[in-house]
């Protein structure tokens, strides 16, 4: 039970603190969700617009996807909270291994 907040002995203060933290967390999630919907709409517009070439559209959509993954991890999966250091370590080490693997296979194919 190391993740529990220390009790002040006053139940009214503890309830108010939890209510304030919950409201703040919900606000972050709503803003993040709205931004992700906006980024999805931007990606659809980038694909549908005839003026953009494929050389612009594909990297642009990949950039939007990376931004959405960051929003997903930090706001919806609560990776920004304390106590999530071990899952963060495994997640980021997996990203590094995946990136090195893609880089290795790309260099093998191109050279």
N, C-alpha and C. Protein backbone atom coordinates (compact mmCIF):
# COMPACT_ATOMS: atom_id res chain seq x y z
N UNK A 1 0.82 -1.19 0.00
CA UNK A 1 0.00 0.00 0.00
C UNK A 1 0.86 1.26 0.00
N UNK A 2 2.00 1.18 -0.66
CA UNK A 2 2.91 2.32 -0.69
C UNK A 2 2.40 3.45 -1.56
N UNK A 3 1.44 3.18 -2.43
CA UNK A 3 0.95 4.20 -3.35
C UNK A 3 -0.17 5.06 -2.78
N UNK A 4 -0.63 4.77 -1.59
CA UNK A 4 -1.72 5.55 -1.01
C UNK A 4 -1.19 6.88 -0.48
N UNK A 5 -2.06 7.88 -0.55
CA UNK A 5 -1.71 9.19 -0.02
C UNK A 5 -1.76 9.12 1.50
N UNK A 6 -0.84 9.80 2.16
CA UNK A 6 -0.91 9.81 3.62
C UNK A 6 -2.18 10.50 4.08
N UNK A 7 -2.79 9.93 5.09
CA UNK A 7 -4.04 10.48 5.60
C UNK A 7 -3.74 11.62 6.55
N UNK A 8 -4.48 12.69 6.41
CA UNK A 8 -4.28 13.84 7.29
C UNK A 8 -5.06 13.69 8.58
N UNK A 9 -5.90 12.65 8.65
CA UNK A 9 -6.72 12.49 9.83
C UNK A 9 -8.05 13.19 9.70
N UNK A 10 -8.17 14.06 8.74
CA UNK A 10 -9.41 14.78 8.50
C UNK A 10 -10.04 14.22 7.22
N UNK A 11 -11.13 13.45 7.35
CA UNK A 11 -11.70 12.84 6.15
C UNK A 11 -12.19 13.86 5.12
N UNK A 12 -12.59 15.02 5.55
CA UNK A 12 -13.08 16.05 4.63
C UNK A 12 -11.94 16.53 3.72
N UNK A 13 -10.76 16.72 4.30
CA UNK A 13 -9.62 17.19 3.52
C UNK A 13 -9.21 16.12 2.53
N UNK A 14 -9.18 14.85 2.94
CA UNK A 14 -8.78 13.78 2.04
C UNK A 14 -9.75 13.63 0.87
N UNK A 15 -11.03 13.76 1.12
CA UNK A 15 -12.02 13.65 0.05
C UNK A 15 -11.87 14.82 -0.92
N UNK A 16 -11.65 15.99 -0.40
CA UNK A 16 -11.48 17.17 -1.26
C UNK A 16 -10.22 17.04 -2.12
N UNK A 17 -9.15 16.53 -1.52
CA UNK A 17 -7.91 16.35 -2.27
C UNK A 17 -8.12 15.36 -3.41
N UNK A 18 -8.74 14.22 -3.13
CA UNK A 18 -8.99 13.22 -4.16
C UNK A 18 -9.93 13.75 -5.24
N UNK A 19 -10.92 14.51 -4.84
CA UNK A 19 -11.86 15.09 -5.82
C UNK A 19 -11.12 16.08 -6.73
N UNK A 20 -10.25 16.88 -6.15
CA UNK A 20 -9.50 17.86 -6.94
C UNK A 20 -8.56 17.15 -7.91
N UNK A 21 -7.86 16.12 -7.46
CA UNK A 21 -6.94 15.38 -8.32
C UNK A 21 -7.70 14.65 -9.43
N UNK A 22 -8.87 14.10 -9.11
CA UNK A 22 -9.67 13.40 -10.12
C UNK A 22 -10.17 14.37 -11.18
N UNK A 23 -10.59 15.55 -10.77
CA UNK A 23 -11.06 16.55 -11.73
C UNK A 23 -9.92 17.00 -12.63
N UNK A 24 -8.75 17.18 -12.06
CA UNK A 24 -7.59 17.59 -12.86
C UNK A 24 -7.21 16.50 -13.86
N UNK A 25 -7.22 15.25 -13.41
CA UNK A 25 -6.90 14.15 -14.30
C UNK A 25 -7.92 14.02 -15.44
N UNK A 26 -9.18 14.19 -15.12
CA UNK A 26 -10.23 14.11 -16.14
C UNK A 26 -10.08 15.24 -17.16
N UNK A 27 -9.70 16.40 -16.71
CA UNK A 27 -9.49 17.53 -17.63
C UNK A 27 -8.35 17.20 -18.60
N UNK A 28 -7.25 16.64 -18.10
CA UNK A 28 -6.14 16.27 -18.97
C UNK A 28 -6.58 15.23 -20.00
N UNK A 29 -7.39 14.26 -19.57
CA UNK A 29 -7.83 13.22 -20.50
C UNK A 29 -8.77 13.78 -21.57
N UNK A 30 -9.64 14.69 -21.19
CA UNK A 30 -10.55 15.27 -22.19
C UNK A 30 -9.79 16.12 -23.20
N UNK A 31 -8.84 16.91 -22.72
CA UNK A 31 -8.04 17.74 -23.63
C UNK A 31 -7.22 16.84 -24.56
N UNK A 32 -6.63 15.78 -24.01
CA UNK A 32 -5.84 14.87 -24.81
C UNK A 32 -6.71 14.17 -25.85
N UNK A 33 -7.91 13.74 -25.45
CA UNK A 33 -8.82 13.10 -26.39
C UNK A 33 -9.21 14.05 -27.51
N UNK A 34 -9.51 15.29 -27.18
CA UNK A 34 -9.87 16.28 -28.20
C UNK A 34 -8.70 16.52 -29.16
N UNK A 35 -7.48 16.58 -28.64
CA UNK A 35 -6.32 16.76 -29.51
C UNK A 35 -6.11 15.56 -30.42
N UNK A 36 -6.35 14.36 -29.90
CA UNK A 36 -6.19 13.18 -30.74
C UNK A 36 -7.24 13.13 -31.85
N UNK A 37 -8.46 13.53 -31.54
CA UNK A 37 -9.50 13.60 -32.59
C UNK A 37 -9.09 14.64 -33.64
N UNK A 38 -8.59 15.77 -33.20
CA UNK A 38 -8.14 16.81 -34.12
C UNK A 38 -7.00 16.30 -35.01
N UNK A 39 -6.03 15.60 -34.42
CA UNK A 39 -4.91 15.07 -35.20
C UNK A 39 -5.38 14.02 -36.21
N UNK A 40 -6.38 13.23 -35.83
CA UNK A 40 -6.94 12.25 -36.76
C UNK A 40 -7.61 12.95 -37.93
N UNK A 41 -8.35 14.01 -37.65
CA UNK A 41 -8.99 14.77 -38.73
C UNK A 41 -7.96 15.41 -39.65
N UNK A 42 -6.88 15.91 -39.07
CA UNK A 42 -5.80 16.50 -39.87
C UNK A 42 -5.18 15.43 -40.77
N UNK A 43 -5.02 14.21 -40.26
CA UNK A 43 -4.47 13.13 -41.08
C UNK A 43 -5.40 12.79 -42.23
N UNK A 44 -6.71 12.75 -41.97
CA UNK A 44 -7.67 12.49 -43.05
C UNK A 44 -7.63 13.59 -44.10
N UNK A 45 -7.53 14.82 -43.67
CA UNK A 45 -7.45 15.94 -44.62
C UNK A 45 -6.17 15.85 -45.44
N UNK A 46 -5.06 15.48 -44.80
CA UNK A 46 -3.79 15.37 -45.53
C UNK A 46 -3.86 14.29 -46.59
N UNK A 47 -4.55 13.19 -46.31
CA UNK A 47 -4.68 12.12 -47.30
C UNK A 47 -5.64 12.54 -48.41
N UNK A 48 -6.73 13.19 -48.05
CA UNK A 48 -7.74 13.56 -49.03
C UNK A 48 -7.38 14.74 -49.91
N UNK A 49 -6.45 15.58 -49.47
CA UNK A 49 -6.10 16.77 -50.24
C UNK A 49 -5.22 16.37 -51.42
N UNK A 50 -5.60 16.80 -52.59
CA UNK A 50 -4.89 16.42 -53.82
C UNK A 50 -3.54 17.14 -53.96
N UNK A 51 -3.36 18.25 -53.28
CA UNK A 51 -2.15 19.05 -53.45
C UNK A 51 -0.91 18.48 -52.77
N UNK A 52 -1.09 17.55 -51.85
CA UNK A 52 0.06 16.96 -51.14
C UNK A 52 0.52 15.70 -51.86
N UNK A 53 1.83 15.58 -52.01
CA UNK A 53 2.37 14.37 -52.62
C UNK A 53 2.52 13.28 -51.56
N UNK A 54 2.79 12.10 -52.02
CA UNK A 54 3.00 10.98 -51.10
C UNK A 54 4.25 11.16 -50.25
N UNK A 55 5.22 11.88 -50.80
CA UNK A 55 6.47 12.12 -50.06
C UNK A 55 6.24 13.02 -48.85
N UNK A 56 5.21 13.82 -48.89
CA UNK A 56 4.87 14.65 -47.73
C UNK A 56 3.87 13.94 -46.83
N UNK A 57 2.88 13.29 -47.42
CA UNK A 57 1.77 12.74 -46.65
C UNK A 57 2.20 11.61 -45.73
N UNK A 58 3.01 10.69 -46.21
CA UNK A 58 3.39 9.53 -45.40
C UNK A 58 4.20 9.94 -44.17
N UNK A 59 5.28 10.73 -44.29
CA UNK A 59 5.99 11.14 -43.07
C UNK A 59 5.13 12.00 -42.14
N UNK A 60 4.26 12.80 -42.72
CA UNK A 60 3.38 13.65 -41.91
C UNK A 60 2.42 12.79 -41.07
N UNK A 61 1.85 11.77 -41.68
CA UNK A 61 0.94 10.88 -40.95
C UNK A 61 1.71 10.08 -39.89
N UNK A 62 2.92 9.67 -40.21
CA UNK A 62 3.73 8.97 -39.20
C UNK A 62 4.06 9.88 -38.02
N UNK A 63 4.33 11.14 -38.29
CA UNK A 63 4.58 12.09 -37.21
C UNK A 63 3.33 12.26 -36.34
N UNK A 64 2.18 12.38 -36.97
CA UNK A 64 0.93 12.48 -36.21
C UNK A 64 0.68 11.22 -35.39
N UNK A 65 1.04 10.06 -35.93
CA UNK A 65 0.87 8.80 -35.20
C UNK A 65 1.77 8.76 -33.97
N UNK A 66 2.99 9.23 -34.10
CA UNK A 66 3.90 9.25 -32.94
C UNK A 66 3.36 10.18 -31.86
N UNK A 67 2.85 11.32 -32.26
CA UNK A 67 2.27 12.25 -31.29
C UNK A 67 1.08 11.61 -30.58
N UNK A 68 0.25 10.89 -31.31
CA UNK A 68 -0.90 10.24 -30.69
C UNK A 68 -0.48 9.12 -29.75
N UNK A 69 0.58 8.40 -30.07
CA UNK A 69 1.08 7.36 -29.18
C UNK A 69 1.57 7.98 -27.87
N UNK A 70 2.22 9.11 -27.96
CA UNK A 70 2.69 9.79 -26.75
C UNK A 70 1.51 10.22 -25.89
N UNK A 71 0.47 10.78 -26.51
CA UNK A 71 -0.74 11.13 -25.76
C UNK A 71 -1.35 9.90 -25.10
N UNK A 72 -1.41 8.81 -25.85
CA UNK A 72 -1.99 7.58 -25.30
C UNK A 72 -1.21 7.11 -24.08
N UNK A 73 0.10 7.10 -24.18
CA UNK A 73 0.92 6.59 -23.08
C UNK A 73 0.84 7.47 -21.85
N UNK A 74 0.96 8.76 -22.04
CA UNK A 74 1.08 9.64 -20.88
C UNK A 74 -0.25 10.02 -20.25
N UNK A 75 -1.31 10.04 -21.00
CA UNK A 75 -2.57 10.47 -20.41
C UNK A 75 -3.56 9.34 -20.21
N UNK A 76 -3.71 8.45 -21.19
CA UNK A 76 -4.70 7.39 -21.03
C UNK A 76 -4.13 6.17 -20.31
N UNK A 77 -2.84 5.93 -20.44
CA UNK A 77 -2.23 4.80 -19.73
C UNK A 77 -1.52 5.24 -18.46
N UNK A 78 -1.62 6.51 -18.12
CA UNK A 78 -1.13 7.07 -16.86
C UNK A 78 0.37 6.86 -16.64
N UNK A 79 1.15 6.91 -17.69
CA UNK A 79 2.59 6.72 -17.55
C UNK A 79 3.27 7.94 -16.93
N UNK A 80 2.56 9.02 -16.79
CA UNK A 80 3.16 10.21 -16.19
C UNK A 80 3.06 10.19 -14.67
N UNK A 81 2.36 9.21 -14.12
CA UNK A 81 2.20 9.14 -12.66
C UNK A 81 3.40 8.48 -12.00
N UNK A 82 3.55 8.74 -10.72
CA UNK A 82 4.60 8.10 -9.95
C UNK A 82 4.29 6.61 -9.82
N UNK A 83 5.34 5.81 -9.70
CA UNK A 83 5.18 4.38 -9.54
C UNK A 83 5.15 3.62 -10.85
N UNK A 84 5.30 4.31 -11.98
CA UNK A 84 5.27 3.64 -13.28
C UNK A 84 6.65 3.66 -13.93
N UNK A 85 7.69 3.66 -13.11
CA UNK A 85 9.04 3.73 -13.66
C UNK A 85 9.44 2.42 -14.32
N UNK A 86 9.11 1.27 -13.70
CA UNK A 86 9.48 -0.03 -14.28
C UNK A 86 8.77 -0.27 -15.60
N UNK A 87 7.44 -0.07 -15.70
CA UNK A 87 6.81 -0.23 -17.02
C UNK A 87 7.38 0.74 -18.06
N UNK A 88 7.71 1.95 -17.64
CA UNK A 88 8.31 2.91 -18.58
C UNK A 88 9.65 2.41 -19.09
N UNK A 89 10.45 1.84 -18.19
CA UNK A 89 11.75 1.31 -18.58
C UNK A 89 11.58 0.20 -19.61
N UNK A 90 10.66 -0.72 -19.37
CA UNK A 90 10.45 -1.82 -20.32
C UNK A 90 9.89 -1.30 -21.64
N UNK A 91 9.01 -0.36 -21.58
CA UNK A 91 8.42 0.20 -22.79
C UNK A 91 9.48 0.89 -23.64
N UNK A 92 10.27 1.74 -23.02
CA UNK A 92 11.28 2.48 -23.78
C UNK A 92 12.40 1.57 -24.27
N UNK A 93 12.75 0.56 -23.49
CA UNK A 93 13.77 -0.37 -23.97
C UNK A 93 13.23 -1.18 -25.16
N UNK A 94 11.94 -1.50 -25.16
CA UNK A 94 11.34 -2.16 -26.31
C UNK A 94 11.35 -1.28 -27.54
N UNK A 95 11.11 0.01 -27.35
CA UNK A 95 11.16 0.96 -28.47
C UNK A 95 12.58 1.02 -29.03
N UNK A 96 13.58 1.03 -28.16
CA UNK A 96 14.97 1.08 -28.62
C UNK A 96 15.32 -0.20 -29.39
N UNK A 97 14.93 -1.36 -28.86
CA UNK A 97 15.21 -2.62 -29.55
C UNK A 97 14.51 -2.65 -30.91
N UNK A 98 13.26 -2.20 -30.95
CA UNK A 98 12.53 -2.16 -32.22
C UNK A 98 13.18 -1.22 -33.22
N UNK A 99 13.61 -0.05 -32.76
CA UNK A 99 14.25 0.91 -33.66
C UNK A 99 15.58 0.37 -34.19
N UNK A 100 16.36 -0.27 -33.32
CA UNK A 100 17.63 -0.84 -33.76
C UNK A 100 17.39 -1.97 -34.76
N UNK A 101 16.35 -2.78 -34.52
CA UNK A 101 16.03 -3.87 -35.45
C UNK A 101 15.63 -3.32 -36.81
N UNK A 102 14.77 -2.31 -36.82
CA UNK A 102 14.36 -1.71 -38.10
C UNK A 102 15.56 -1.08 -38.80
N UNK A 103 16.42 -0.40 -38.06
CA UNK A 103 17.62 0.20 -38.64
C UNK A 103 18.54 -0.88 -39.21
N UNK A 104 18.71 -1.98 -38.49
CA UNK A 104 19.57 -3.06 -38.97
C UNK A 104 19.03 -3.68 -40.25
N UNK A 105 17.73 -3.98 -40.28
CA UNK A 105 17.16 -4.58 -41.48
C UNK A 105 17.16 -3.59 -42.65
N UNK A 106 16.97 -2.32 -42.36
CA UNK A 106 17.00 -1.31 -43.43
C UNK A 106 18.39 -1.20 -44.03
N UNK A 107 19.41 -1.21 -43.20
CA UNK A 107 20.77 -1.12 -43.74
C UNK A 107 21.18 -2.40 -44.46
N UNK A 108 20.68 -3.55 -44.03
CA UNK A 108 20.98 -4.80 -44.73
C UNK A 108 20.36 -4.78 -46.13
N UNK A 109 19.15 -4.28 -46.22
CA UNK A 109 18.45 -4.28 -47.51
C UNK A 109 19.07 -3.25 -48.46
N UNK A 110 19.44 -2.09 -47.96
CA UNK A 110 19.92 -1.02 -48.83
C UNK A 110 21.36 -1.19 -49.27
N UNK A 111 22.17 -1.90 -48.47
CA UNK A 111 23.59 -2.03 -48.85
C UNK A 111 23.90 -3.44 -49.18
